[in-house]
Amino acid sequence: MYKYRDIWHIAYPILISLVMQTLINVTDTAYMGRVGEIELGATALVSVYYLAIFMAIFGFSIGAQIFIGRRNGEGSYAKIGDIVMQGIFFLVGVSALFVLLSKFFSPMLLSSIVSSPQIYEACVDYLDLRIWGLLFAAVSVMCRAFFVGVTRTGVLMWNSIILTVANVVFNYIFVFGALGVPPMGIAGAAIGSVIAEGLAMLHFVIYAIMKLDLKYYGFSLQLKFSSDIIRGILSLSVWTMLQNFLTHAVWFVFFLAIEHLGEEQLAITNIVRSGSSLLFMPILAFASTASTLVSNALGASRAHDVMYIIRRCVAMAYAVIVPLVVIVAIIPQTFMSVFTNDVNILQGSVASVYVMLGFNLIAIPACIFFHSVSGTGNTRLALGIEIVSTVLYSIAIYVIIFTLRADVAVCWSVEYVYWSMILLGSVLYFKYGKWQNRIL
């Protein structure tokens, strides 16, 4: 039975890695907040657009992580290496396809949906370079799936430190101009982020070669494509790929709707999103921990431990998040000043910050229960819950933003609709669903 200490031992490296990884977008936002309102608004749109594509790739790694966790729980360690390598082959190919499609179709798509010509130009400048980071991310997410699946999460912390430090340094060099490099603005932020992802990928590979007994986990130099393994992973991950893409695609719609309210409203929404991302990372860390522990418990025929794991992860997440929420509620403008020094945007963001703090408290149990649904292997049902929640979320966006054209703080209330439905669907599954004996 997992104690709080055991859960924390797995969760805290994931937490630090997620916080550090989120700081890529936060760093871009912070730098663009000091370049101009147009650039700040553009990063809001295009970073979510990129994230929607990235999360489709990440969704595949979640399916692989579930398989890895199950094999680890069973003690079938020699089968894990093939899962990781085949996943890398598949994702690199898919990422290359996404890069080509983005080069051809993204400018046309953005030009048809972004109302401001200046924001459109900035979006294209950023995405045209940023999209290449997918190739490095494809390898990194499979490495992450491996380390989380076998509960060796310590490396994630160091990897994320490398990722974040490199991103901060190279963003500064290319955005503002340093060491003989001319200032490149928003395009420089994209270059800095791609370089950082490349270095993070390289760290994962070097660490695995130098620190692990690769033969123990079934890694082999005989590399050949296995359609059977890919089909097995896709039987789970196709649903998580669709689910993750759908989640962030609709979030892109939210930012697109805000963009039609004005450039200042979009800039406010971007810095609030960045603040929300930092608060959400502990939630996602405990959700990821719950998912892998649920998968390992079922692999070890310990279904009776599952609800215990989930409840403890929820309690620990509240213990971390509530103090942070209180601090931000007391000093909202100080917290938001990390992302911009524009006084008007800071003052305009306060009401939105309070709305954001509220839905994060609902997201704690919702996110952990929802990831645990996938941890049981029922990724198709998880997609169903996501679809229902997304439809209601989209209706709320249409009514509140497009029809009522409400204040930007009121627009953030659509998140309450989404997370409430995620929580309801996930809790009902664990109460009435037949998840105890799912075979993978």
Protein backbone atom coordinates (compact mmCIF):
# COMPACT_ATOMS: atom_id res chain seq x y z
CA MET A 1 0.00 0.00 0.00
CA TYR A 2 1.35 3.42 -1.01
CA LYS A 3 2.07 5.88 1.80
CA TYR A 4 2.08 9.66 1.40
CA ARG A 5 5.88 9.53 1.36
CA ASP A 6 5.87 6.98 -1.48
CA ILE A 7 3.47 9.08 -3.55
CA TRP A 8 5.49 12.25 -2.92
CA HIS A 9 8.71 10.47 -3.91
CA ILE A 10 7.21 9.82 -7.35
CA ALA A 11 5.23 13.05 -7.63
CA TYR A 12 7.77 15.72 -6.75
CA PRO A 13 10.19 15.08 -9.66
CA ILE A 14 7.19 15.05 -12.02
CA LEU A 15 5.98 18.28 -10.41
CA ILE A 16 9.33 20.01 -10.85
CA SER A 17 9.64 18.72 -14.42
CA LEU A 18 6.18 19.99 -15.34
CA VAL A 19 6.78 23.37 -13.72
CA MET A 20 10.09 23.72 -15.52
CA GLN A 21 8.57 22.61 -18.84
CA THR A 22 5.68 25.06 -18.43
CA LEU A 23 8.25 27.79 -17.90
CA ILE A 24 9.04 27.55 -21.63
CA ASN A 25 5.69 29.15 -22.45
CA VAL A 26 5.87 31.32 -19.33
CA THR A 27 9.33 32.55 -20.34
CA ASP A 28 8.10 33.35 -23.84
CA THR A 29 5.17 35.25 -22.35
CA ALA A 30 7.38 37.13 -19.87
CA TYR A 31 9.79 38.20 -22.62
CA MET A 32 7.01 39.14 -25.06
CA GLY A 33 5.30 41.15 -22.30
CA ARG A 34 8.37 43.37 -22.44
CA VAL A 35 8.52 43.50 -26.25
CA GLY A 36 4.99 44.67 -27.03
CA GLU A 37 1.23 44.08 -26.71
CA ILE A 38 1.01 42.61 -30.22
CA GLU A 39 3.74 40.05 -29.49
CA LEU A 40 2.20 39.23 -26.11
CA GLY A 41 -1.18 38.58 -27.71
CA ALA A 42 0.34 36.55 -30.54
CA THR A 43 2.15 34.20 -28.15
CA ALA A 44 -1.20 33.59 -26.42
CA LEU A 45 -2.72 32.29 -29.66
CA VAL A 46 0.17 30.51 -31.30
CA SER A 47 1.54 28.82 -28.16
CA VAL A 48 -1.87 27.22 -27.56
CA TYR A 49 -2.03 26.31 -31.27
CA TYR A 50 1.38 24.63 -31.00
CA LEU A 51 0.38 23.02 -27.73
CA ALA A 52 -2.67 21.42 -29.37
CA ILE A 53 -0.37 19.72 -31.89
CA PHE A 54 2.17 18.78 -29.22
CA MET A 55 -0.49 17.29 -26.97
CA ALA A 56 -1.60 14.92 -29.73
CA ILE A 57 1.97 13.56 -29.65
CA PHE A 58 1.99 13.60 -25.85
CA GLY A 59 -1.28 11.65 -25.89
CA PHE A 60 0.48 8.75 -27.63
CA SER A 61 3.13 8.73 -24.90
CA ILE A 62 0.41 8.52 -22.23
CA GLY A 63 -0.88 5.33 -23.84
CA ALA A 64 2.67 3.98 -23.94
CA GLN A 65 3.17 5.01 -20.29
CA ILE A 66 0.10 2.99 -19.28
CA PHE A 67 1.55 -0.09 -21.02
CA ILE A 68 4.97 0.51 -19.46
CA GLY A 69 3.43 0.92 -16.00
CA ARG A 70 1.40 -2.26 -16.42
CA ARG A 71 4.44 -4.27 -17.57
CA ASN A 72 6.46 -2.82 -14.71
CA GLY A 73 3.76 -3.84 -12.23
CA GLU A 74 3.70 -7.35 -13.71
CA GLY A 75 7.47 -7.65 -13.51
CA SER A 76 7.75 -8.02 -17.32
CA TYR A 77 10.69 -5.60 -17.48
CA ALA A 78 12.28 -7.02 -20.64
CA LYS A 79 9.20 -6.02 -22.68
CA ILE A 80 9.50 -2.33 -21.83
CA GLY A 81 12.39 -1.40 -24.15
CA ASP A 82 10.53 -2.38 -27.30
CA ILE A 83 7.54 -0.27 -26.26
CA VAL A 84 9.80 2.78 -25.82
CA MET A 85 11.80 2.36 -29.05
CA GLN A 86 8.79 1.64 -31.24
CA GLY A 87 7.06 4.65 -29.72
CA ILE A 88 10.03 6.86 -30.59
CA PHE A 89 10.07 5.61 -34.21
CA PHE A 90 6.36 6.26 -34.57
CA LEU A 91 6.34 9.70 -32.94
CA VAL A 92 9.34 11.04 -34.87
CA GLY A 93 7.58 10.09 -38.11
CA VAL A 94 4.29 11.65 -36.98
CA SER A 95 6.10 14.80 -35.82
CA ALA A 96 7.84 15.17 -39.19
CA LEU A 97 4.43 14.94 -40.86
CA PHE A 98 3.01 17.60 -38.51
CA VAL A 99 5.95 19.91 -39.33
CA LEU A 100 5.31 19.61 -43.07
CA LEU A 101 1.56 20.10 -42.70
CA SER A 102 2.09 23.13 -40.49
CA LYS A 103 4.48 24.72 -42.99
CA PHE A 104 1.86 24.46 -45.74
CA PHE A 105 -1.45 24.94 -43.96
CA SER A 106 -0.95 26.89 -40.72
CA PRO A 107 -0.49 30.32 -42.39
CA MET A 108 -3.70 29.83 -44.38
CA LEU A 109 -5.62 28.68 -41.31
CA LEU A 110 -4.38 31.51 -39.09
CA SER A 111 -5.06 34.16 -41.73
CA SER A 112 -8.69 33.07 -41.94
CA ILE A 113 -9.39 33.10 -38.18
CA VAL A 114 -7.18 35.85 -36.68
CA SER A 115 -8.78 39.27 -37.07
CA SER A 116 -5.71 41.46 -36.38
CA PRO A 117 -3.16 41.59 -39.25
CA GLN A 118 -0.37 42.49 -36.83
CA ILE A 119 -1.11 39.54 -34.55
CA TYR A 120 -1.32 37.23 -37.58
CA GLU A 121 2.14 38.26 -38.79
CA ALA A 122 3.62 37.75 -35.33
CA CYS A 123 1.94 34.32 -35.05
CA VAL A 124 3.47 33.16 -38.34
CA ASP A 125 6.93 34.47 -37.38
CA TYR A 126 6.81 32.44 -34.16
CA LEU A 127 5.19 29.22 -35.42
CA ASP A 128 7.33 28.93 -38.55
CA LEU A 129 10.35 28.26 -36.31
CA ARG A 130 8.72 26.86 -33.16
CA ILE A 131 7.15 23.89 -34.98
CA TRP A 132 10.58 22.26 -35.44
CA GLY A 133 10.67 21.60 -31.71
CA LEU A 134 8.18 18.76 -32.26
CA LEU A 135 10.99 16.52 -33.56
CA PHE A 136 12.90 16.83 -30.29
CA ALA A 137 9.73 16.65 -28.21
CA ALA A 138 8.79 13.32 -29.84
CA VAL A 139 11.84 11.62 -28.34
CA SER A 140 11.56 13.43 -25.00
CA VAL A 141 7.92 12.49 -24.32
CA MET A 142 8.67 8.80 -24.86
CA CYS A 143 11.67 9.03 -22.53
CA ARG A 144 9.42 10.71 -19.98
CA ALA A 145 6.80 7.95 -20.40
CA PHE A 146 9.49 5.35 -19.72
CA PHE A 147 10.84 7.00 -16.56
CA VAL A 148 7.36 7.69 -15.15
CA GLY A 149 6.10 4.20 -16.09
CA VAL A 150 8.93 2.48 -14.21
CA THR A 151 8.60 5.04 -11.35
CA ARG A 152 12.17 6.34 -11.80
CA THR A 153 11.15 9.97 -11.96
CA GLY A 154 14.21 11.65 -10.45
CA VAL A 155 15.80 12.29 -13.86
CA LEU A 156 12.79 14.39 -14.88
CA MET A 157 13.78 17.10 -12.42
CA TRP A 158 17.28 17.52 -13.81
CA ASN A 159 16.05 17.31 -17.38
CA SER A 160 13.57 20.08 -16.75
CA ILE A 161 16.18 22.28 -15.10
CA ILE A 162 18.31 21.93 -18.24
CA LEU A 163 15.26 22.69 -20.40
CA THR A 164 14.29 25.78 -18.44
CA VAL A 165 17.74 27.30 -17.97
CA ALA A 166 18.53 26.79 -21.66
CA ASN A 167 15.21 28.37 -22.63
CA VAL A 168 15.75 31.43 -20.43
CA VAL A 169 19.32 31.93 -21.67
CA PHE A 170 18.69 31.38 -25.38
CA ASN A 171 15.45 33.39 -25.33
CA TYR A 172 17.35 36.33 -23.89
CA ILE A 173 20.08 35.99 -26.50
CA PHE A 174 17.74 35.77 -29.48
CA VAL A 175 14.81 37.95 -28.33
CA PHE A 176 16.76 41.00 -27.17
CA GLY A 177 20.08 40.38 -28.91
CA ALA A 178 23.25 39.40 -27.08
CA LEU A 179 26.68 37.91 -27.78
CA GLY A 180 26.69 39.47 -31.23
CA VAL A 181 23.23 38.10 -32.17
CA PRO A 182 20.81 40.75 -33.50
CA PRO A 183 17.49 41.16 -31.61
CA MET A 184 14.84 38.96 -33.26
CA GLY A 185 11.75 39.58 -31.07
CA ILE A 186 9.09 36.89 -31.20
CA ALA A 187 11.03 34.79 -33.75
CA GLY A 188 13.93 34.71 -31.30
CA ALA A 189 11.65 33.25 -28.62
CA ALA A 190 10.82 30.39 -30.98
CA ILE A 191 14.50 29.69 -31.73
CA GLY A 192 15.41 29.72 -28.04
CA SER A 193 12.63 27.25 -27.20
CA VAL A 194 13.62 24.84 -29.99
CA ILE A 195 17.26 24.82 -28.88
CA ALA A 196 16.18 24.18 -25.28
CA GLU A 197 14.05 21.19 -26.33
CA GLY A 198 16.95 19.78 -28.32
CA LEU A 199 19.26 19.96 -25.31
CA ALA A 200 16.64 18.36 -23.05
CA MET A 201 16.23 15.46 -25.48
CA LEU A 202 20.00 14.99 -25.60
CA HIS A 203 20.14 14.83 -21.79
CA PHE A 204 17.52 12.06 -21.67
CA VAL A 205 19.44 9.98 -24.21
CA ILE A 206 22.85 10.43 -22.52
CA TYR A 207 21.39 9.66 -19.08
CA ALA A 208 19.74 6.46 -20.31
CA ILE A 209 22.95 5.23 -21.94
CA MET A 210 25.19 6.06 -18.99
CA LYS A 211 22.98 5.32 -15.96
CA LEU A 212 20.61 2.47 -16.89
CA ASP A 213 20.99 -1.24 -17.48
CA LEU A 214 19.31 -1.05 -20.88
CA LYS A 215 19.38 -4.83 -21.37
CA TYR A 216 17.37 -5.28 -18.16
CA TYR A 217 14.53 -3.31 -19.74
CA GLY A 218 14.86 -5.06 -23.09
CA PHE A 219 16.52 -2.27 -25.09
CA SER A 220 18.39 -3.63 -28.09
CA LEU A 221 20.65 -2.36 -30.86
CA GLN A 222 18.61 -4.42 -33.34
CA LEU A 223 16.22 -1.71 -34.38
CA LYS A 224 13.30 -2.65 -36.58
CA PHE A 225 9.74 -1.46 -36.85
CA SER A 226 7.07 -3.58 -35.13
CA SER A 227 3.54 -2.88 -36.28
CA ASP A 228 2.15 -5.18 -33.57
CA ILE A 229 3.60 -3.05 -30.76
CA ILE A 230 2.45 0.18 -32.41
CA ARG A 231 -1.06 -1.20 -32.88
CA GLY A 232 -1.10 -2.26 -29.24
CA ILE A 233 -0.09 1.18 -28.03
CA LEU A 234 -2.52 2.87 -30.42
CA SER A 235 -5.38 0.73 -29.09
CA LEU A 236 -5.03 2.86 -25.96
CA SER A 237 -3.28 6.01 -27.10
CA VAL A 238 -5.42 6.90 -30.12
CA TRP A 239 -8.07 7.94 -27.62
CA THR A 240 -5.64 9.91 -25.46
CA MET A 241 -4.20 11.56 -28.59
CA LEU A 242 -7.67 12.68 -29.65
CA GLN A 243 -8.53 13.65 -26.09
CA ASN A 244 -5.41 15.79 -25.61
CA PHE A 245 -5.73 17.41 -29.03
CA LEU A 246 -9.40 18.16 -28.44
CA THR A 247 -8.75 19.70 -25.03
CA HIS A 248 -6.18 22.15 -26.35
CA ALA A 249 -7.90 22.76 -29.69
CA VAL A 250 -10.96 24.03 -27.82
CA TRP A 251 -8.68 26.07 -25.57
CA PHE A 252 -7.33 27.63 -28.78
CA VAL A 253 -10.94 28.46 -29.70
CA PHE A 254 -11.28 30.19 -26.32
CA PHE A 255 -8.24 32.39 -27.01
CA LEU A 256 -9.43 33.01 -30.56
CA ALA A 257 -12.78 34.18 -29.19
CA ILE A 258 -11.00 36.51 -26.75
CA GLU A 259 -8.91 37.89 -29.63
CA HIS A 260 -12.12 39.12 -31.25
CA LEU A 261 -12.81 41.18 -28.11
CA GLY A 262 -9.58 43.15 -28.61
CA GLU A 263 -5.79 43.02 -28.41
CA GLU A 264 -5.67 44.21 -24.79
CA GLN A 265 -8.17 41.55 -23.68
CA LEU A 266 -6.07 38.91 -25.43
CA ALA A 267 -2.93 40.16 -23.69
CA ILE A 268 -4.69 40.02 -20.30
CA THR A 269 -5.89 36.49 -21.01
CA ASN A 270 -2.37 35.41 -21.96
CA ILE A 271 -0.78 36.49 -18.68
CA VAL A 272 -3.64 34.97 -16.67
CA ARG A 273 -3.17 31.74 -18.63
CA SER A 274 0.53 31.77 -17.77
CA GLY A 275 -0.26 32.25 -14.09
CA SER A 276 -2.85 29.49 -14.23
CA SER A 277 -0.35 27.15 -15.90
CA LEU A 278 2.07 27.53 -12.99
CA LEU A 279 -0.68 26.72 -10.48
CA PHE A 280 -1.97 23.84 -12.57
CA MET A 281 1.38 22.03 -12.73
CA PRO A 282 1.17 20.57 -9.19
CA ILE A 283 -2.32 19.32 -10.05
CA LEU A 284 -1.06 17.68 -13.23
CA ALA A 285 1.92 16.17 -11.37
CA PHE A 286 -0.31 14.41 -8.87
CA ALA A 287 -2.68 13.40 -11.67
CA SER A 288 0.20 11.83 -13.62
CA THR A 289 1.39 10.11 -10.43
CA ALA A 290 -2.09 8.76 -9.74
CA SER A 291 -2.35 7.45 -13.31
CA THR A 292 0.93 5.54 -13.20
CA LEU A 293 0.31 4.18 -9.68
CA VAL A 294 -3.17 3.03 -10.68
CA SER A 295 -1.67 1.31 -13.73
CA ASN A 296 1.04 -0.34 -11.61
CA ALA A 297 -1.48 -1.41 -8.95
CA LEU A 298 -3.77 -3.07 -11.49
CA GLY A 299 -0.76 -4.76 -13.10
CA ALA A 300 0.12 -6.19 -9.68
CA SER A 301 -3.52 -7.34 -9.12
CA ARG A 302 -4.09 -4.78 -6.36
CA ALA A 303 -7.33 -3.18 -7.53
CA HIS A 304 -8.31 -2.57 -3.90
CA ASP A 305 -5.52 0.05 -3.65
CA VAL A 306 -6.82 2.22 -6.51
CA MET A 307 -9.30 4.44 -4.65
CA TYR A 308 -6.84 4.77 -1.80
CA ILE A 309 -4.20 6.06 -4.25
CA ILE A 310 -6.60 8.54 -5.84
CA ARG A 311 -7.84 9.94 -2.52
CA ARG A 312 -4.31 10.42 -1.23
CA CYS A 313 -3.20 12.16 -4.42
CA VAL A 314 -6.19 14.53 -4.20
CA ALA A 315 -5.42 15.34 -0.55
CA MET A 316 -1.75 16.00 -1.30
CA ALA A 317 -2.62 18.21 -4.27
CA TYR A 318 -4.92 20.35 -2.11
CA ALA A 319 -2.16 20.64 0.50
CA VAL A 320 0.17 22.08 -2.15
CA ILE A 321 -2.30 24.22 -4.12
CA VAL A 322 -4.42 25.91 -1.44
CA PRO A 323 -1.52 27.87 0.13
CA LEU A 324 -0.46 29.02 -3.35
CA VAL A 325 -4.01 30.13 -4.15
CA VAL A 326 -4.16 32.15 -0.92
CA ILE A 327 -0.83 33.87 -1.65
CA VAL A 328 -1.83 34.79 -5.22
CA ALA A 329 -5.22 36.03 -4.01
CA ILE A 330 -3.48 38.42 -1.60
CA ILE A 331 -0.97 39.81 -4.14
CA PRO A 332 -2.51 39.24 -7.63
CA GLN A 333 -0.78 42.15 -9.39
CA THR A 334 2.59 41.27 -7.92
CA PHE A 335 2.18 37.70 -9.15
CA MET A 336 1.12 38.84 -12.63
CA SER A 337 4.00 41.34 -12.87
CA VAL A 338 6.25 38.38 -13.63
CA PHE A 339 4.68 38.29 -17.09
CA THR A 340 4.42 41.98 -18.01
CA ASN A 341 5.27 45.45 -16.74
CA ASP A 342 2.30 47.11 -18.50
CA VAL A 343 0.26 48.77 -15.72
CA ASN A 344 -3.03 48.74 -17.64
CA ILE A 345 -2.77 45.01 -18.38
CA LEU A 346 -1.84 44.25 -14.75
CA GLN A 347 -4.80 46.21 -13.38
CA GLY A 348 -7.15 44.66 -15.93
CA SER A 349 -6.06 41.13 -15.02
CA VAL A 350 -7.00 41.17 -11.31
CA ALA A 351 -10.65 40.09 -11.68
CA SER A 352 -9.67 37.32 -14.10
CA VAL A 353 -7.06 36.07 -11.63
CA TYR A 354 -9.70 35.57 -8.93
CA VAL A 355 -11.92 33.62 -11.33
CA MET A 356 -8.91 31.52 -12.34
CA LEU A 357 -8.03 30.70 -8.72
CA GLY A 358 -11.52 29.36 -8.12
CA PHE A 359 -11.65 26.87 -10.96
CA ASN A 360 -8.20 25.50 -10.06
CA LEU A 361 -9.71 24.24 -6.79
CA ILE A 362 -12.32 22.27 -8.77
CA ALA A 363 -9.66 21.05 -11.20
CA ILE A 364 -7.73 19.25 -8.43
CA PRO A 365 -10.08 16.27 -7.94
CA ALA A 366 -11.33 16.49 -11.53
CA CYS A 367 -7.88 16.18 -13.11
CA ILE A 368 -6.68 13.42 -10.76
CA PHE A 369 -9.80 11.29 -11.16
CA PHE A 370 -9.76 11.86 -14.93
CA HIS A 371 -6.13 10.78 -15.37
CA SER A 372 -6.86 7.77 -13.19
CA VAL A 373 -9.57 6.72 -15.66
CA SER A 374 -6.83 6.46 -18.30
CA GLY A 375 -4.62 4.71 -15.74
CA THR A 376 -7.13 1.84 -15.64
CA GLY A 377 -6.68 1.46 -19.40
CA ASN A 378 -10.11 2.79 -20.36
CA THR A 379 -8.86 5.59 -22.59
CA ARG A 380 -11.91 5.35 -24.85
CA LEU A 381 -14.22 6.28 -22.00
CA ALA A 382 -11.84 9.08 -21.03
CA LEU A 383 -12.26 10.46 -24.55
CA GLY A 384 -16.04 10.21 -24.17
CA ILE A 385 -15.92 12.23 -20.95
CA GLU A 386 -13.68 14.75 -22.70
CA ILE A 387 -16.05 15.10 -25.68
CA VAL A 388 -19.12 15.74 -23.51
CA SER A 389 -17.21 18.26 -21.39
CA THR A 390 -15.78 19.98 -24.46
CA VAL A 391 -19.18 20.32 -26.14
CA LEU A 392 -20.62 22.01 -23.06
CA TYR A 393 -17.48 24.13 -22.77
CA SER A 394 -17.86 25.25 -26.40
CA ILE A 395 -21.49 26.18 -25.84
CA ALA A 396 -20.45 28.26 -22.82
CA ILE A 397 -17.79 30.01 -24.93
CA TYR A 398 -20.34 30.85 -27.63
CA VAL A 399 -22.91 32.21 -25.18
CA ILE A 400 -20.60 34.13 -22.84
CA ILE A 401 -18.01 35.47 -25.31
CA PHE A 402 -19.62 35.67 -28.76
CA THR A 403 -23.24 36.37 -27.74
CA LEU A 404 -22.96 38.31 -24.48
CA ARG A 405 -19.47 39.71 -25.24
CA ALA A 406 -18.89 39.69 -21.50
CA ASP A 407 -15.98 41.15 -19.59
CA VAL A 408 -12.79 39.09 -19.90
CA ALA A 409 -13.05 37.98 -16.25
CA VAL A 410 -16.54 36.59 -16.85
CA CYS A 411 -15.21 34.79 -19.94
CA TRP A 412 -12.88 32.76 -17.72
CA SER A 413 -15.93 31.27 -15.97
CA VAL A 414 -16.28 28.79 -18.87
CA GLU A 415 -13.55 26.77 -17.13
CA TYR A 416 -15.97 25.97 -14.29
CA VAL A 417 -18.27 24.27 -16.80
CA TYR A 418 -15.44 22.16 -18.21
CA TRP A 419 -13.91 20.95 -14.95
CA SER A 420 -17.26 20.25 -13.31
CA MET A 421 -18.22 17.90 -16.15
CA ILE A 422 -14.79 16.21 -16.11
CA LEU A 423 -15.16 15.56 -12.38
CA LEU A 424 -18.71 14.26 -12.67
CA GLY A 425 -17.94 11.83 -15.50
CA SER A 426 -14.78 10.48 -13.85
CA VAL A 427 -16.34 9.95 -10.41
CA LEU A 428 -19.31 8.12 -11.96
CA TYR A 429 -16.89 5.79 -13.77
CA PHE A 430 -15.11 4.77 -10.58
CA LYS A 431 -18.41 4.36 -8.75
CA TYR A 432 -20.30 2.34 -11.36
CA GLY A 433 -17.78 1.24 -14.03
CA LYS A 434 -16.12 -2.18 -14.29
CA TRP A 435 -12.50 -1.12 -14.12
CA GLN A 436 -11.05 -3.56 -11.56
CA ASN A 437 -10.06 -6.34 -13.98
CA ARG A 438 -9.24 -4.60 -17.24
CA ILE A 439 -6.60 -6.55 -19.16
CA LEU A 440 -3.90 -4.84 -21.26
